[in-house]
Structures are given as C-alpha cells and as structure tokens.
C-alpha cells in the first residue's frame, strides 16, 4: 500500500468505524434480512408458477420445525427461515470484514501513520475499480431486462 492509498484508507475507515462493531453488524443484518425477503419472494413465485401449490414435507423435518411450519403455514415458514438465515449470514460477514479492516487500521497506526485531517484528493485512477464494478453491474441489469423482455415476447413468461 503506497502513502496515498494509506492516507485514503485511514481517512475513510476512521469515519466508517464511528458506528462501532455492533452497528456495522446490525447494518449487515438489515441488508441480509432484505436479501432473505427477496429470496423468499422469488422462491415463492417460482414454486407457485403455473398455478402449482406450495407445501412443506413434514416427514423430512425435525419436531421444532414441524411445529413452526404448522403454525405459520408453508409461505410463512419459507419467510421465517430465509429472513433470519440471510440476516445472520450477512451480520457474520460484516463482523469479519470489520475485524479485518480494524486490524489493518491499528497496524497502520502502530507503524506511525496518521489519520489525515481532510479527505485526500482523489483521481480517476482511484475510482477505476468502483466504476468498473458499477458498469459491470449495469450491463448485468440490462442483460436481465433484455432476457425478460425476450421471454415475455416469446410467451414464456
């Protein structure tokens, strides 16, 4: 890491770490819960496509899960499993990222680096990885929309 990257990292992380480890884990859990909600909605749509019914096979589950499935019904059971699972996974990943970033931050400070008082100036070269990812994601969205349009015009959707 060169001095510019070091200054940029220290300035950026000194602001992001203000929320604390629990705040970042909570943010990750919230984002994961939204992902779990989207996953359950997509699964429910896919499982009930063409008028099919969605049910839970109780023979393959343990007793506690059978009680939850009976109490919530199949749709509620799908949401009750996916939302907390995705939230827990995202909170764990956010916590691991926090630990790594905090370790790098303290290692740089122990080597004598100082947090800049103002944001270091950036160039296009600094933003190139982010712009590349955004362009790639934009192309992916365009491709998905085109494929959906293609399937709708063919009568498949």
N, C-alpha and C. Protein backbone atom coordinates (compact mmCIF):
# COMPACT_ATOMS: atom_id res chain seq x y z
N UNK A 1 0.86 -1.17 0.00
CA UNK A 1 0.00 0.00 0.00
C UNK A 1 0.91 1.24 0.00
N UNK A 2 0.71 2.10 -0.99
CA UNK A 2 1.53 3.32 -1.03
C UNK A 2 0.95 4.37 -0.07
N UNK A 3 1.63 5.51 0.03
CA UNK A 3 1.22 6.53 1.01
C UNK A 3 -0.14 7.14 0.68
N UNK A 4 -0.44 7.30 -0.59
CA UNK A 4 -1.76 7.84 -0.97
C UNK A 4 -2.87 6.88 -0.57
N UNK A 5 -2.67 5.59 -0.88
CA UNK A 5 -3.67 4.59 -0.52
C UNK A 5 -3.81 4.49 1.00
N UNK A 6 -2.68 4.58 1.68
CA UNK A 6 -2.68 4.53 3.14
C UNK A 6 -3.48 5.70 3.72
N UNK A 7 -3.23 6.90 3.21
CA UNK A 7 -3.95 8.07 3.70
C UNK A 7 -5.44 7.95 3.40
N UNK A 8 -5.78 7.47 2.21
CA UNK A 8 -7.19 7.33 1.84
C UNK A 8 -7.88 6.28 2.73
N UNK A 9 -7.20 5.15 2.96
CA UNK A 9 -7.78 4.12 3.82
C UNK A 9 -7.98 4.64 5.23
N UNK A 10 -6.96 5.28 5.80
CA UNK A 10 -7.06 5.78 7.17
C UNK A 10 -8.18 6.81 7.31
N UNK A 11 -8.29 7.71 6.35
CA UNK A 11 -9.34 8.73 6.42
C UNK A 11 -10.72 8.08 6.31
N UNK A 12 -10.87 7.18 5.34
CA UNK A 12 -12.16 6.53 5.09
C UNK A 12 -12.56 5.65 6.28
N UNK A 13 -11.65 4.82 6.76
CA UNK A 13 -12.01 3.90 7.83
C UNK A 13 -12.23 4.63 9.15
N UNK A 14 -11.52 5.74 9.38
CA UNK A 14 -11.73 6.49 10.62
C UNK A 14 -13.16 7.04 10.70
N UNK A 15 -13.80 7.27 9.56
CA UNK A 15 -15.19 7.71 9.55
C UNK A 15 -16.16 6.54 9.61
N UNK A 16 -15.85 5.46 8.91
CA UNK A 16 -16.76 4.31 8.90
C UNK A 16 -16.82 3.59 10.24
N UNK A 17 -15.73 3.65 11.00
CA UNK A 17 -15.69 2.90 12.26
C UNK A 17 -16.45 3.59 13.38
N UNK A 18 -16.96 4.77 13.15
CA UNK A 18 -17.71 5.51 14.17
C UNK A 18 -18.96 4.75 14.62
N UNK A 19 -19.53 3.95 13.74
CA UNK A 19 -20.75 3.22 14.08
C UNK A 19 -20.48 2.07 15.04
N UNK A 20 -19.24 1.64 15.14
CA UNK A 20 -18.88 0.56 16.04
C UNK A 20 -19.15 -0.81 15.43
N UNK A 21 -18.60 -1.81 16.09
CA UNK A 21 -18.72 -3.18 15.60
C UNK A 21 -20.18 -3.64 15.58
N UNK A 22 -20.91 -3.34 16.65
CA UNK A 22 -22.32 -3.75 16.72
C UNK A 22 -23.17 -3.03 15.67
N UNK A 23 -22.88 -1.76 15.45
CA UNK A 23 -23.64 -1.01 14.44
C UNK A 23 -23.43 -1.55 13.04
N UNK A 24 -22.20 -1.92 12.73
CA UNK A 24 -21.91 -2.49 11.42
C UNK A 24 -22.55 -3.87 11.28
N UNK A 25 -22.51 -4.67 12.35
CA UNK A 25 -23.16 -5.99 12.30
C UNK A 25 -24.67 -5.83 12.13
N UNK A 26 -25.25 -4.84 12.79
CA UNK A 26 -26.69 -4.59 12.66
C UNK A 26 -27.04 -4.13 11.24
N UNK A 27 -26.19 -3.28 10.67
CA UNK A 27 -26.40 -2.85 9.28
C UNK A 27 -26.33 -4.06 8.35
N UNK A 28 -25.34 -4.93 8.56
CA UNK A 28 -25.22 -6.14 7.75
C UNK A 28 -26.44 -7.03 7.91
N UNK A 29 -26.93 -7.16 9.14
CA UNK A 29 -28.12 -7.99 9.38
C UNK A 29 -29.34 -7.41 8.66
N UNK A 30 -29.47 -6.10 8.67
CA UNK A 30 -30.60 -5.47 7.97
C UNK A 30 -30.54 -5.70 6.47
N UNK A 31 -29.35 -5.55 5.90
CA UNK A 31 -29.19 -5.79 4.47
C UNK A 31 -29.45 -7.26 4.16
N UNK A 32 -28.95 -8.15 5.02
CA UNK A 32 -29.19 -9.58 4.83
C UNK A 32 -30.67 -9.94 4.94
N UNK A 33 -31.38 -9.29 5.86
CA UNK A 33 -32.82 -9.55 6.00
C UNK A 33 -33.57 -9.14 4.74
N UNK A 34 -33.17 -8.03 4.15
CA UNK A 34 -33.80 -7.61 2.88
C UNK A 34 -33.50 -8.64 1.80
N UNK A 35 -32.27 -9.15 1.78
CA UNK A 35 -31.92 -10.20 0.82
C UNK A 35 -32.72 -11.47 1.06
N UNK A 36 -32.93 -11.83 2.32
CA UNK A 36 -33.73 -13.01 2.65
C UNK A 36 -35.18 -12.83 2.24
N UNK A 37 -35.70 -11.63 2.41
CA UNK A 37 -37.06 -11.32 1.97
C UNK A 37 -37.19 -11.47 0.46
N UNK A 38 -36.21 -10.93 -0.27
CA UNK A 38 -36.23 -11.05 -1.73
C UNK A 38 -36.09 -12.51 -2.16
N UNK A 39 -35.20 -13.25 -1.49
CA UNK A 39 -35.02 -14.67 -1.81
C UNK A 39 -36.31 -15.44 -1.60
N UNK A 40 -36.97 -15.23 -0.46
CA UNK A 40 -38.21 -15.95 -0.18
C UNK A 40 -39.30 -15.58 -1.18
N UNK A 41 -39.38 -14.31 -1.55
CA UNK A 41 -40.39 -13.88 -2.53
C UNK A 41 -40.14 -14.52 -3.89
N UNK A 42 -38.88 -14.56 -4.31
CA UNK A 42 -38.55 -15.19 -5.60
C UNK A 42 -38.83 -16.68 -5.56
N UNK A 43 -38.46 -17.34 -4.46
CA UNK A 43 -38.72 -18.77 -4.32
C UNK A 43 -40.21 -19.06 -4.33
N UNK A 44 -40.97 -18.24 -3.62
CA UNK A 44 -42.42 -18.44 -3.58
C UNK A 44 -43.02 -18.27 -4.96
N UNK A 45 -42.56 -17.26 -5.69
CA UNK A 45 -43.04 -17.05 -7.06
C UNK A 45 -42.68 -18.25 -7.93
N UNK A 46 -41.44 -18.72 -7.83
CA UNK A 46 -41.00 -19.84 -8.67
C UNK A 46 -41.73 -21.13 -8.32
N UNK A 47 -42.02 -21.34 -7.04
CA UNK A 47 -42.67 -22.58 -6.62
C UNK A 47 -44.16 -22.60 -6.93
N UNK A 48 -44.77 -21.43 -7.09
CA UNK A 48 -46.20 -21.39 -7.38
C UNK A 48 -46.49 -20.98 -8.81
N UNK A 49 -45.48 -21.04 -9.65
CA UNK A 49 -45.65 -20.70 -11.06
C UNK A 49 -46.62 -21.69 -11.72
N UNK A 50 -47.40 -21.24 -12.64
CA UNK A 50 -48.36 -22.06 -13.39
C UNK A 50 -49.41 -22.69 -12.48
N UNK A 51 -49.78 -22.01 -11.41
CA UNK A 51 -50.86 -22.48 -10.55
C UNK A 51 -50.50 -23.62 -9.63
N UNK A 52 -49.23 -23.96 -9.51
CA UNK A 52 -48.82 -25.04 -8.62
C UNK A 52 -49.02 -24.61 -7.17
N UNK A 53 -49.20 -25.59 -6.29
CA UNK A 53 -49.34 -25.28 -4.87
C UNK A 53 -48.01 -25.51 -4.18
N UNK A 54 -47.79 -24.78 -3.12
CA UNK A 54 -46.55 -24.86 -2.36
C UNK A 54 -46.88 -25.50 -1.02
N UNK A 55 -46.19 -26.56 -0.68
CA UNK A 55 -46.43 -27.24 0.59
C UNK A 55 -45.10 -27.63 1.22
N UNK A 56 -45.16 -28.00 2.49
CA UNK A 56 -43.97 -28.40 3.24
C UNK A 56 -44.08 -29.88 3.54
N UNK A 57 -43.01 -30.64 3.28
CA UNK A 57 -42.97 -32.06 3.57
C UNK A 57 -42.51 -32.23 5.02
N UNK A 58 -43.43 -32.55 5.91
CA UNK A 58 -43.11 -32.65 7.33
C UNK A 58 -42.33 -33.91 7.68
N UNK A 59 -42.29 -34.90 6.81
CA UNK A 59 -41.58 -36.14 7.10
C UNK A 59 -40.07 -35.94 7.14
N UNK A 60 -39.57 -34.91 6.50
CA UNK A 60 -38.13 -34.69 6.40
C UNK A 60 -37.62 -33.64 7.38
N UNK A 61 -38.45 -33.18 8.33
CA UNK A 61 -38.04 -32.13 9.26
C UNK A 61 -38.08 -32.64 10.68
N UNK A 62 -37.31 -31.93 11.55
CA UNK A 62 -37.33 -32.22 12.97
C UNK A 62 -38.59 -31.68 13.61
N UNK A 63 -38.83 -32.05 14.87
CA UNK A 63 -40.05 -31.68 15.56
C UNK A 63 -40.30 -30.20 15.69
N UNK A 64 -39.26 -29.42 16.03
CA UNK A 64 -39.43 -27.98 16.21
C UNK A 64 -39.83 -27.31 14.91
N UNK A 65 -39.20 -27.70 13.81
CA UNK A 65 -39.52 -27.11 12.52
C UNK A 65 -40.93 -27.49 12.06
N UNK A 66 -41.37 -28.68 12.41
CA UNK A 66 -42.74 -29.09 12.07
C UNK A 66 -43.75 -28.20 12.79
N UNK A 67 -43.48 -27.90 14.06
CA UNK A 67 -44.39 -27.02 14.81
C UNK A 67 -44.45 -25.63 14.19
N UNK A 68 -43.29 -25.11 13.79
CA UNK A 68 -43.26 -23.78 13.16
C UNK A 68 -43.99 -23.82 11.83
N UNK A 69 -43.75 -24.87 11.04
CA UNK A 69 -44.40 -24.98 9.73
C UNK A 69 -45.91 -25.07 9.87
N UNK A 70 -46.37 -25.81 10.86
CA UNK A 70 -47.82 -25.93 11.06
C UNK A 70 -48.42 -24.61 11.55
N UNK A 71 -47.69 -23.89 12.40
CA UNK A 71 -48.20 -22.63 12.94
C UNK A 71 -48.24 -21.52 11.90
N UNK A 72 -47.22 -21.45 11.05
CA UNK A 72 -47.11 -20.35 10.10
C UNK A 72 -47.65 -20.67 8.71
N UNK A 73 -47.79 -21.93 8.40
CA UNK A 73 -48.16 -22.32 7.05
C UNK A 73 -46.93 -22.33 6.16
N UNK A 74 -47.04 -22.88 4.96
CA UNK A 74 -45.86 -23.02 4.11
C UNK A 74 -45.21 -21.69 3.72
N UNK A 75 -46.03 -20.70 3.39
CA UNK A 75 -45.47 -19.41 2.97
C UNK A 75 -44.78 -18.71 4.13
N UNK A 76 -45.43 -18.65 5.26
CA UNK A 76 -44.81 -18.04 6.44
C UNK A 76 -43.56 -18.78 6.88
N UNK A 77 -43.57 -20.10 6.74
CA UNK A 77 -42.41 -20.90 7.09
C UNK A 77 -41.22 -20.57 6.20
N UNK A 78 -41.47 -20.40 4.91
CA UNK A 78 -40.40 -20.04 3.98
C UNK A 78 -39.79 -18.69 4.37
N UNK A 79 -40.63 -17.72 4.67
CA UNK A 79 -40.13 -16.40 5.08
C UNK A 79 -39.45 -16.47 6.45
N UNK A 80 -40.01 -17.26 7.38
CA UNK A 80 -39.44 -17.36 8.72
C UNK A 80 -38.07 -18.02 8.72
N UNK A 81 -37.79 -18.87 7.76
CA UNK A 81 -36.47 -19.48 7.69
C UNK A 81 -35.47 -18.64 6.92
N UNK A 82 -35.90 -18.06 5.81
CA UNK A 82 -34.94 -17.37 4.94
C UNK A 82 -34.50 -16.02 5.49
N UNK A 83 -35.40 -15.25 6.07
CA UNK A 83 -35.02 -13.91 6.54
C UNK A 83 -33.98 -13.96 7.66
N UNK A 84 -34.19 -14.74 8.74
CA UNK A 84 -33.15 -14.79 9.77
C UNK A 84 -31.85 -15.45 9.29
N UNK A 85 -31.95 -16.42 8.40
CA UNK A 85 -30.73 -17.07 7.91
C UNK A 85 -29.87 -16.10 7.12
N UNK A 86 -30.48 -15.34 6.23
CA UNK A 86 -29.73 -14.36 5.45
C UNK A 86 -29.21 -13.24 6.35
N UNK A 87 -30.02 -12.82 7.33
CA UNK A 87 -29.59 -11.76 8.25
C UNK A 87 -28.39 -12.21 9.07
N UNK A 88 -28.42 -13.45 9.57
CA UNK A 88 -27.30 -13.96 10.36
C UNK A 88 -26.04 -14.08 9.52
N UNK A 89 -26.17 -14.57 8.30
CA UNK A 89 -25.01 -14.70 7.42
C UNK A 89 -24.41 -13.33 7.11
N UNK A 90 -25.23 -12.35 6.81
CA UNK A 90 -24.73 -11.01 6.48
C UNK A 90 -24.12 -10.34 7.71
N UNK A 91 -24.69 -10.55 8.89
CA UNK A 91 -24.11 -9.99 10.11
C UNK A 91 -22.74 -10.61 10.38
N UNK A 92 -22.61 -11.91 10.17
CA UNK A 92 -21.33 -12.59 10.35
C UNK A 92 -20.29 -12.05 9.37
N UNK A 93 -20.65 -11.91 8.12
CA UNK A 93 -19.71 -11.40 7.10
C UNK A 93 -19.32 -9.96 7.43
N UNK A 94 -20.28 -9.13 7.83
CA UNK A 94 -19.98 -7.74 8.19
C UNK A 94 -19.03 -7.69 9.38
N UNK A 95 -19.22 -8.57 10.35
CA UNK A 95 -18.34 -8.61 11.51
C UNK A 95 -16.93 -9.04 11.12
N UNK A 96 -16.82 -10.02 10.23
CA UNK A 96 -15.50 -10.46 9.78
C UNK A 96 -14.79 -9.35 9.01
N UNK A 97 -15.50 -8.65 8.16
CA UNK A 97 -14.90 -7.54 7.41
C UNK A 97 -14.48 -6.44 8.38
N UNK A 98 -15.32 -6.15 9.38
CA UNK A 98 -14.97 -5.15 10.38
C UNK A 98 -13.66 -5.53 11.07
N UNK A 99 -13.53 -6.79 11.47
CA UNK A 99 -12.32 -7.23 12.17
C UNK A 99 -11.07 -7.06 11.32
N UNK A 100 -11.16 -7.43 10.05
CA UNK A 100 -10.00 -7.30 9.16
C UNK A 100 -9.64 -5.83 8.95
N UNK A 101 -10.63 -5.01 8.66
CA UNK A 101 -10.37 -3.59 8.42
C UNK A 101 -9.83 -2.90 9.67
N UNK A 102 -10.37 -3.25 10.81
CA UNK A 102 -9.90 -2.66 12.07
C UNK A 102 -8.47 -3.09 12.36
N UNK A 103 -8.13 -4.34 12.04
CA UNK A 103 -6.76 -4.81 12.21
C UNK A 103 -5.78 -4.04 11.34
N UNK A 104 -6.15 -3.80 10.09
CA UNK A 104 -5.29 -3.03 9.19
C UNK A 104 -5.16 -1.60 9.71
N UNK A 105 -6.25 -1.02 10.18
CA UNK A 105 -6.24 0.35 10.70
C UNK A 105 -5.26 0.48 11.87
N UNK A 106 -5.37 -0.44 12.84
CA UNK A 106 -4.49 -0.38 14.01
C UNK A 106 -3.05 -0.70 13.65
N UNK A 107 -2.83 -1.59 12.69
CA UNK A 107 -1.47 -1.89 12.25
C UNK A 107 -0.82 -0.67 11.62
N UNK A 108 -1.56 0.05 10.80
CA UNK A 108 -1.01 1.27 10.19
C UNK A 108 -0.73 2.34 11.24
N UNK A 109 -1.63 2.49 12.21
CA UNK A 109 -1.40 3.48 13.26
C UNK A 109 -0.19 3.11 14.12
N UNK A 110 -0.01 1.82 14.38
CA UNK A 110 1.14 1.40 15.19
C UNK A 110 2.46 1.58 14.44
N UNK A 111 2.42 1.63 13.12
CA UNK A 111 3.62 1.87 12.32
C UNK A 111 3.94 3.36 12.20
N UNK A 112 3.12 4.20 12.80
CA UNK A 112 3.39 5.63 12.80
C UNK A 112 2.57 6.44 11.81
N UNK A 113 1.67 5.83 11.10
CA UNK A 113 0.84 6.57 10.15
C UNK A 113 -0.16 7.43 10.92
N UNK A 114 -0.55 8.53 10.33
CA UNK A 114 -1.51 9.45 10.95
C UNK A 114 -2.75 9.55 10.07
N UNK A 115 -3.90 9.71 10.73
CA UNK A 115 -5.16 9.91 10.01
C UNK A 115 -5.16 11.35 9.48
N UNK A 116 -5.37 11.54 8.17
CA UNK A 116 -5.39 12.90 7.63
C UNK A 116 -6.57 13.70 8.19
N UNK A 117 -6.36 15.00 8.33
CA UNK A 117 -7.42 15.88 8.85
C UNK A 117 -8.53 16.08 7.81
N UNK A 118 -8.16 16.08 6.54
CA UNK A 118 -9.14 16.26 5.46
C UNK A 118 -9.02 15.10 4.48
N UNK A 119 -10.07 14.92 3.70
CA UNK A 119 -10.07 13.83 2.73
C UNK A 119 -8.97 14.07 1.69
N UNK A 120 -8.14 13.05 1.46
CA UNK A 120 -7.10 13.20 0.44
C UNK A 120 -7.73 13.36 -0.95
N UNK A 121 -7.11 14.16 -1.82
CA UNK A 121 -7.66 14.33 -3.17
C UNK A 121 -7.60 13.00 -3.94
N UNK A 122 -8.63 12.76 -4.72
CA UNK A 122 -8.68 11.51 -5.49
C UNK A 122 -8.61 11.81 -6.98
N UNK A 123 -8.19 10.79 -7.72
CA UNK A 123 -8.11 10.89 -9.18
C UNK A 123 -9.01 9.82 -9.78
N UNK A 124 -9.12 9.83 -11.11
CA UNK A 124 -9.90 8.80 -11.79
C UNK A 124 -9.32 7.42 -11.53
N UNK A 125 -8.01 7.37 -11.38
CA UNK A 125 -7.34 6.09 -11.13
C UNK A 125 -7.81 5.48 -9.81
N UNK A 126 -8.11 6.32 -8.83
CA UNK A 126 -8.60 5.83 -7.54
C UNK A 126 -10.01 5.27 -7.65
N UNK A 127 -10.79 5.79 -8.57
CA UNK A 127 -12.19 5.37 -8.72
C UNK A 127 -12.38 4.27 -9.76
N UNK A 128 -11.34 3.87 -10.46
CA UNK A 128 -11.47 2.91 -11.55
C UNK A 128 -12.08 1.57 -11.11
N UNK A 129 -11.64 0.95 -9.99
CA UNK A 129 -12.27 -0.32 -9.60
C UNK A 129 -13.76 -0.19 -9.33
N UNK A 130 -14.16 0.89 -8.66
CA UNK A 130 -15.58 1.10 -8.35
C UNK A 130 -16.38 1.32 -9.63
N UNK A 131 -15.84 2.11 -10.54
CA UNK A 131 -16.54 2.37 -11.80
C UNK A 131 -16.65 1.11 -12.65
N UNK A 132 -15.61 0.28 -12.62
CA UNK A 132 -15.65 -0.98 -13.36
C UNK A 132 -16.76 -1.88 -12.83
N UNK A 133 -16.86 -1.99 -11.51
CA UNK A 133 -17.92 -2.81 -10.92
C UNK A 133 -19.31 -2.25 -11.23
N UNK A 134 -19.46 -0.94 -11.14
CA UNK A 134 -20.76 -0.34 -11.44
C UNK A 134 -21.16 -0.55 -12.90
N UNK A 135 -20.21 -0.41 -13.81
CA UNK A 135 -20.51 -0.64 -15.23
C UNK A 135 -20.87 -2.11 -15.47
N UNK A 136 -20.13 -3.01 -14.84
CA UNK A 136 -20.44 -4.44 -14.99
C UNK A 136 -21.82 -4.77 -14.44
N UNK A 137 -22.16 -4.20 -13.29
CA UNK A 137 -23.48 -4.43 -12.72
C UNK A 137 -24.57 -3.83 -13.61
N UNK A 138 -24.31 -2.66 -14.17
CA UNK A 138 -25.27 -2.04 -15.09
C UNK A 138 -25.50 -2.91 -16.32
N UNK A 139 -24.42 -3.47 -16.87
CA UNK A 139 -24.57 -4.37 -18.01
C UNK A 139 -25.35 -5.62 -17.64
N UNK A 140 -25.14 -6.14 -16.43
CA UNK A 140 -25.88 -7.31 -15.97
C UNK A 140 -27.37 -6.99 -15.87
N UNK A 141 -27.72 -5.84 -15.33
CA UNK A 141 -29.13 -5.43 -15.22
C UNK A 141 -29.75 -5.29 -16.60
N UNK A 142 -29.03 -4.67 -17.53
CA UNK A 142 -29.54 -4.53 -18.89
C UNK A 142 -29.76 -5.90 -19.52
N UNK A 143 -28.83 -6.83 -19.32
CA UNK A 143 -28.96 -8.17 -19.89
C UNK A 143 -30.17 -8.90 -19.29
N UNK A 144 -30.37 -8.80 -17.97
CA UNK A 144 -31.51 -9.46 -17.33
C UNK A 144 -32.82 -8.88 -17.86
N UNK A 145 -32.90 -7.56 -17.99
CA UNK A 145 -34.11 -6.95 -18.52
C UNK A 145 -34.36 -7.36 -19.97
N UNK A 146 -33.31 -7.45 -20.77
CA UNK A 146 -33.45 -7.88 -22.15
C UNK A 146 -33.94 -9.33 -22.21
N UNK A 147 -33.37 -10.20 -21.37
CA UNK A 147 -33.80 -11.60 -21.37
C UNK A 147 -35.25 -11.73 -20.92
N UNK A 148 -35.67 -10.93 -19.94
CA UNK A 148 -37.07 -10.94 -19.52
C UNK A 148 -37.97 -10.47 -20.65
N UNK A 149 -37.57 -9.41 -21.35
CA UNK A 149 -38.33 -8.92 -22.50
C UNK A 149 -38.42 -10.01 -23.57
N UNK A 150 -37.32 -10.70 -23.83
CA UNK A 150 -37.27 -11.77 -24.82
C UNK A 150 -38.25 -12.88 -24.45
N UNK A 151 -38.23 -13.29 -23.17
CA UNK A 151 -39.12 -14.37 -22.73
C UNK A 151 -40.59 -13.94 -22.76
N UNK A 152 -40.86 -12.70 -22.44
CA UNK A 152 -42.25 -12.20 -22.49
C UNK A 152 -42.75 -12.20 -23.93
N UNK A 153 -41.94 -11.75 -24.86
CA UNK A 153 -42.35 -11.72 -26.27
C UNK A 153 -42.51 -13.11 -26.86
N UNK A 154 -41.77 -14.08 -26.36
CA UNK A 154 -41.92 -15.46 -26.82
C UNK A 154 -43.13 -16.14 -26.19
N UNK A 155 -43.66 -15.54 -25.14
CA UNK A 155 -44.81 -16.12 -24.47
C UNK A 155 -44.45 -17.06 -23.34
N UNK A 156 -43.18 -17.11 -22.96
CA UNK A 156 -42.76 -17.99 -21.88
C UNK A 156 -43.10 -17.44 -20.50
N UNK A 157 -43.15 -16.12 -20.37
CA UNK A 157 -43.46 -15.51 -19.07
C UNK A 157 -44.85 -14.91 -19.09
